[in-house]
C-alpha cells in the first residue's frame, strides 16, 4: 500500500521524524538523504520525502503489505502524527 501526505515541514524535518518514529519500532535497512527503508518480521516500509510546490513537502509511505496490516496502520499513524507536528491544532485521533 502507498500513502501520501503534504506538509509544511521541511524535507529534512520530515525525514528526521520518520527516522525517529520508525527507528524505535523497526530495523533500518537502507538510508539515503530523502529516503528511509525499514524492515521487520511484519514486512518492509519505505518513507520518501521531496520538496513540492515551493514550501510543501510530499511525504510518501509505502509498505509491501496489504491494507489494514499492522505495518500499514503504523505508516498511517506516522502520517497522522506528522500532521499534528506541523499543525498543533490537529487532533490525532484514530484506531491505528
N, C-alpha and C. Protein backbone atom coordinates (compact mmCIF):
# COMPACT_ATOMS: atom_id res chain seq x y z
N UNK A 1 0.85 -1.17 0.00
CA UNK A 1 0.00 0.00 0.00
C UNK A 1 0.89 1.23 0.00
N UNK A 2 0.33 2.31 -0.47
CA UNK A 2 1.07 3.56 -0.54
C UNK A 2 0.18 4.70 -0.04
N UNK A 3 0.75 5.54 0.82
CA UNK A 3 0.02 6.67 1.39
C UNK A 3 0.83 7.94 1.19
N UNK A 4 0.13 9.06 1.02
CA UNK A 4 0.77 10.35 0.77
C UNK A 4 0.27 11.38 1.77
N UNK A 5 1.13 12.36 2.04
CA UNK A 5 0.73 13.49 2.88
C UNK A 5 1.57 14.70 2.48
N UNK A 6 0.92 15.84 2.31
CA UNK A 6 1.62 17.10 2.05
C UNK A 6 1.71 17.86 3.36
N UNK A 7 2.90 18.36 3.65
CA UNK A 7 3.12 19.05 4.92
C UNK A 7 3.91 20.33 4.69
N UNK A 8 3.85 21.21 5.66
CA UNK A 8 4.65 22.44 5.64
C UNK A 8 6.03 22.22 6.25
N UNK A 9 6.26 21.05 6.84
CA UNK A 9 7.59 20.75 7.39
C UNK A 9 8.60 20.65 6.25
N UNK A 10 9.84 20.96 6.55
CA UNK A 10 10.88 20.84 5.53
C UNK A 10 11.15 19.35 5.27
N UNK A 11 11.69 19.02 4.09
CA UNK A 11 12.02 17.61 3.84
C UNK A 11 12.97 17.03 4.89
N UNK A 12 13.93 17.83 5.35
CA UNK A 12 14.86 17.34 6.38
C UNK A 12 14.15 17.04 7.69
N UNK A 13 13.21 17.90 8.09
CA UNK A 13 12.46 17.67 9.33
C UNK A 13 11.55 16.45 9.19
N UNK A 14 10.92 16.30 8.03
CA UNK A 14 10.01 15.17 7.82
C UNK A 14 10.76 13.84 7.83
N UNK A 15 11.93 13.78 7.18
CA UNK A 15 12.68 12.52 7.17
C UNK A 15 13.28 12.23 8.54
N UNK A 16 13.64 13.27 9.29
CA UNK A 16 14.13 13.07 10.65
C UNK A 16 13.02 12.51 11.54
N UNK A 17 11.80 13.01 11.37
CA UNK A 17 10.66 12.48 12.13
C UNK A 17 10.41 11.02 11.80
N UNK A 18 10.54 10.68 10.52
CA UNK A 18 10.34 9.28 10.09
C UNK A 18 11.40 8.38 10.71
N UNK A 19 12.65 8.83 10.69
CA UNK A 19 13.73 8.03 11.26
C UNK A 19 13.51 7.81 12.75
N UNK A 20 13.06 8.84 13.44
CA UNK A 20 12.81 8.71 14.87
C UNK A 20 11.62 7.79 15.15
N UNK A 21 10.51 8.01 14.45
CA UNK A 21 9.29 7.24 14.68
C UNK A 21 9.49 5.76 14.35
N UNK A 22 9.96 5.47 13.14
CA UNK A 22 10.08 4.08 12.72
C UNK A 22 11.32 3.41 13.29
N UNK A 23 12.37 4.18 13.57
CA UNK A 23 13.59 3.61 14.11
C UNK A 23 13.40 2.98 15.47
N UNK A 24 12.40 3.44 16.22
CA UNK A 24 12.10 2.87 17.54
C UNK A 24 11.32 1.56 17.42
N UNK A 25 10.73 1.32 16.26
CA UNK A 25 9.83 0.18 16.10
C UNK A 25 10.33 -0.87 15.10
N UNK A 26 11.07 -0.43 14.09
CA UNK A 26 11.51 -1.31 13.01
C UNK A 26 13.02 -1.17 12.81
N UNK A 27 13.62 -2.16 12.23
CA UNK A 27 15.04 -2.11 11.96
C UNK A 27 15.34 -1.37 10.66
N UNK A 28 16.27 -0.42 10.67
CA UNK A 28 16.61 0.28 9.42
C UNK A 28 17.33 -0.66 8.47
N UNK A 29 16.98 -0.58 7.17
CA UNK A 29 17.64 -1.45 6.20
C UNK A 29 18.32 -0.65 5.10
N UNK A 30 17.90 0.60 4.88
CA UNK A 30 18.54 1.43 3.86
C UNK A 30 18.32 2.89 4.22
N UNK A 31 19.35 3.71 4.02
CA UNK A 31 19.26 5.12 4.35
C UNK A 31 19.87 5.95 3.23
N UNK A 32 19.09 6.88 2.72
CA UNK A 32 19.52 7.84 1.71
C UNK A 32 19.09 9.21 2.19
N UNK A 33 19.57 10.30 1.56
CA UNK A 33 19.25 11.64 2.06
C UNK A 33 17.75 11.92 2.20
N UNK A 34 16.92 11.47 1.29
CA UNK A 34 15.48 11.75 1.34
C UNK A 34 14.64 10.49 1.34
N UNK A 35 15.27 9.39 1.76
CA UNK A 35 14.57 8.11 1.75
C UNK A 35 15.08 7.24 2.90
N UNK A 36 14.15 6.59 3.60
CA UNK A 36 14.50 5.64 4.64
C UNK A 36 13.70 4.37 4.40
N UNK A 37 14.36 3.25 4.53
CA UNK A 37 13.68 1.97 4.39
C UNK A 37 13.88 1.19 5.68
N UNK A 38 12.81 0.54 6.13
CA UNK A 38 12.82 -0.22 7.37
C UNK A 38 12.28 -1.61 7.09
N UNK A 39 12.72 -2.57 7.88
CA UNK A 39 12.25 -3.94 7.73
C UNK A 39 12.06 -4.57 9.10
N UNK A 40 11.12 -5.49 9.15
CA UNK A 40 10.84 -6.24 10.37
C UNK A 40 10.13 -7.53 9.96
N UNK A 41 9.82 -8.39 10.90
CA UNK A 41 9.03 -9.57 10.55
C UNK A 41 7.65 -9.21 9.97
N UNK A 42 7.19 -7.99 10.23
CA UNK A 42 5.91 -7.54 9.69
C UNK A 42 5.98 -7.26 8.19
N UNK A 43 7.16 -6.92 7.68
CA UNK A 43 7.33 -6.59 6.27
C UNK A 43 8.30 -5.44 6.08
N UNK A 44 8.22 -4.80 4.92
CA UNK A 44 9.08 -3.68 4.59
C UNK A 44 8.26 -2.40 4.51
N UNK A 45 8.88 -1.30 4.91
CA UNK A 45 8.25 0.01 4.86
C UNK A 45 9.29 1.02 4.37
N UNK A 46 8.88 1.87 3.43
CA UNK A 46 9.77 2.89 2.89
C UNK A 46 9.11 4.25 3.02
N UNK A 47 9.88 5.24 3.45
CA UNK A 47 9.42 6.62 3.55
C UNK A 47 10.29 7.46 2.62
N UNK A 48 9.66 8.24 1.74
CA UNK A 48 10.39 9.18 0.90
C UNK A 48 9.79 10.56 1.09
N UNK A 49 10.63 11.57 0.96
CA UNK A 49 10.18 12.96 1.05
C UNK A 49 10.75 13.72 -0.13
N UNK A 50 9.99 14.70 -0.62
CA UNK A 50 10.51 15.57 -1.67
C UNK A 50 9.81 16.92 -1.60
N UNK A 51 10.57 17.93 -1.91
CA UNK A 51 10.01 19.28 -1.94
C UNK A 51 9.01 19.34 -3.08
N UNK A 52 7.90 20.01 -2.83
CA UNK A 52 6.85 20.09 -3.84
C UNK A 52 6.15 21.44 -3.73
N UNK A 53 6.05 22.14 -4.82
CA UNK A 53 5.27 23.37 -4.85
C UNK A 53 5.77 24.46 -3.93
N UNK A 54 7.07 24.66 -3.87
CA UNK A 54 7.63 25.75 -3.07
C UNK A 54 7.82 25.37 -1.62
N UNK A 55 6.83 25.64 -0.78
CA UNK A 55 7.00 25.41 0.66
C UNK A 55 6.33 24.13 1.16
N UNK A 56 5.91 23.27 0.28
CA UNK A 56 5.32 22.00 0.68
C UNK A 56 6.33 20.87 0.56
N UNK A 57 6.13 19.85 1.35
CA UNK A 57 6.91 18.62 1.26
C UNK A 57 5.92 17.47 1.08
N UNK A 58 6.16 16.65 0.07
CA UNK A 58 5.34 15.47 -0.15
C UNK A 58 6.01 14.29 0.55
N UNK A 59 5.29 13.67 1.47
CA UNK A 59 5.78 12.51 2.22
C UNK A 59 5.02 11.29 1.72
N UNK A 60 5.75 10.27 1.31
CA UNK A 60 5.15 9.03 0.82
C UNK A 60 5.58 7.88 1.71
N UNK A 61 4.60 7.10 2.16
CA UNK A 61 4.87 5.90 2.94
C UNK A 61 4.39 4.72 2.11
N UNK A 62 5.29 3.76 1.87
CA UNK A 62 4.97 2.58 1.08
C UNK A 62 5.25 1.34 1.92
N UNK A 63 4.33 0.38 1.89
CA UNK A 63 4.56 -0.91 2.55
C UNK A 63 4.35 -2.02 1.53
N UNK A 64 4.97 -3.15 1.79
CA UNK A 64 4.78 -4.30 0.91
C UNK A 64 3.67 -5.22 1.43
N UNK A 65 2.82 -4.68 2.27
CA UNK A 65 1.74 -5.46 2.88
C UNK A 65 0.38 -4.96 2.37
N UNK A 66 -0.66 -5.80 2.47
CA UNK A 66 -1.99 -5.34 2.07
C UNK A 66 -2.54 -4.33 3.08
N UNK A 67 -3.54 -3.59 2.64
CA UNK A 67 -4.18 -2.61 3.52
C UNK A 67 -4.68 -3.25 4.80
N UNK A 68 -4.70 -2.49 5.86
CA UNK A 68 -5.14 -2.91 7.18
C UNK A 68 -4.17 -3.86 7.88
N UNK A 69 -2.97 -4.04 7.35
CA UNK A 69 -1.96 -4.82 8.06
C UNK A 69 -1.40 -3.96 9.20
N UNK A 70 -0.70 -4.58 10.13
CA UNK A 70 -0.11 -3.83 11.24
C UNK A 70 0.89 -2.80 10.74
N UNK A 71 1.65 -3.15 9.71
CA UNK A 71 2.63 -2.22 9.15
C UNK A 71 1.94 -1.04 8.48
N UNK A 72 0.84 -1.30 7.82
CA UNK A 72 0.05 -0.23 7.20
C UNK A 72 -0.49 0.73 8.26
N UNK A 73 -1.00 0.18 9.33
CA UNK A 73 -1.52 1.01 10.41
C UNK A 73 -0.42 1.87 11.01
N UNK A 74 0.77 1.32 11.13
CA UNK A 74 1.91 2.06 11.65
C UNK A 74 2.27 3.22 10.71
N UNK A 75 2.24 2.98 9.41
CA UNK A 75 2.52 4.03 8.44
C UNK A 75 1.49 5.14 8.49
N UNK A 76 0.23 4.79 8.60
CA UNK A 76 -0.83 5.81 8.69
C UNK A 76 -0.72 6.59 10.00
N UNK A 77 -0.35 5.90 11.06
CA UNK A 77 -0.18 6.58 12.35
C UNK A 77 0.93 7.63 12.25
N UNK A 78 2.02 7.27 11.58
CA UNK A 78 3.12 8.22 11.40
C UNK A 78 2.63 9.46 10.66
N UNK A 79 1.87 9.28 9.57
CA UNK A 79 1.39 10.45 8.81
C UNK A 79 0.46 11.31 9.65
N UNK A 80 -0.34 10.70 10.50
CA UNK A 80 -1.22 11.46 11.39
C UNK A 80 -0.41 12.28 12.39
N UNK A 81 0.61 11.67 12.97
CA UNK A 81 1.45 12.39 13.92
C UNK A 81 2.29 13.46 13.24
N UNK A 82 2.68 13.23 11.99
CA UNK A 82 3.41 14.24 11.23
C UNK A 82 2.51 15.45 10.98
N UNK A 83 1.24 15.20 10.69
CA UNK A 83 0.28 16.28 10.51
C UNK A 83 0.16 17.09 11.80
N UNK A 84 0.10 16.40 12.93
CA UNK A 84 -0.02 17.09 14.22
C UNK A 84 1.26 17.86 14.54
N UNK A 85 2.40 17.38 14.10
CA UNK A 85 3.67 18.09 14.32
C UNK A 85 3.68 19.41 13.56
N UNK A 86 3.15 19.41 12.34
CA UNK A 86 3.12 20.62 11.52
C UNK A 86 2.00 21.56 11.93
N UNK A 87 0.90 21.00 12.42
CA UNK A 87 -0.27 21.79 12.80
C UNK A 87 -0.71 21.38 14.20
N UNK A 88 -0.23 22.07 15.24
CA UNK A 88 -0.55 21.69 16.61
C UNK A 88 -2.05 21.67 16.93
N UNK A 89 -2.86 22.35 16.13
CA UNK A 89 -4.31 22.33 16.37
C UNK A 89 -4.95 21.02 15.90
N UNK A 90 -4.23 20.24 15.10
CA UNK A 90 -4.76 18.97 14.61
C UNK A 90 -4.79 17.96 15.74
N UNK A 91 -5.93 17.30 15.93
CA UNK A 91 -6.08 16.28 16.96
C UNK A 91 -5.87 14.91 16.33
N UNK A 92 -4.80 14.22 16.68
CA UNK A 92 -4.57 12.89 16.10
C UNK A 92 -5.49 11.85 16.73
N UNK A 93 -6.57 11.54 16.06
CA UNK A 93 -7.49 10.52 16.54
C UNK A 93 -7.50 9.38 15.53
N UNK A 94 -7.86 8.23 15.95
CA UNK A 94 -7.93 7.07 15.07
C UNK A 94 -7.56 5.82 15.84
N UNK A 95 -7.92 4.71 15.26
CA UNK A 95 -7.69 3.43 15.91
C UNK A 95 -6.47 2.72 15.36
N UNK A 96 -5.47 3.48 14.98
CA UNK A 96 -4.25 2.85 14.46
C UNK A 96 -3.04 3.39 15.16
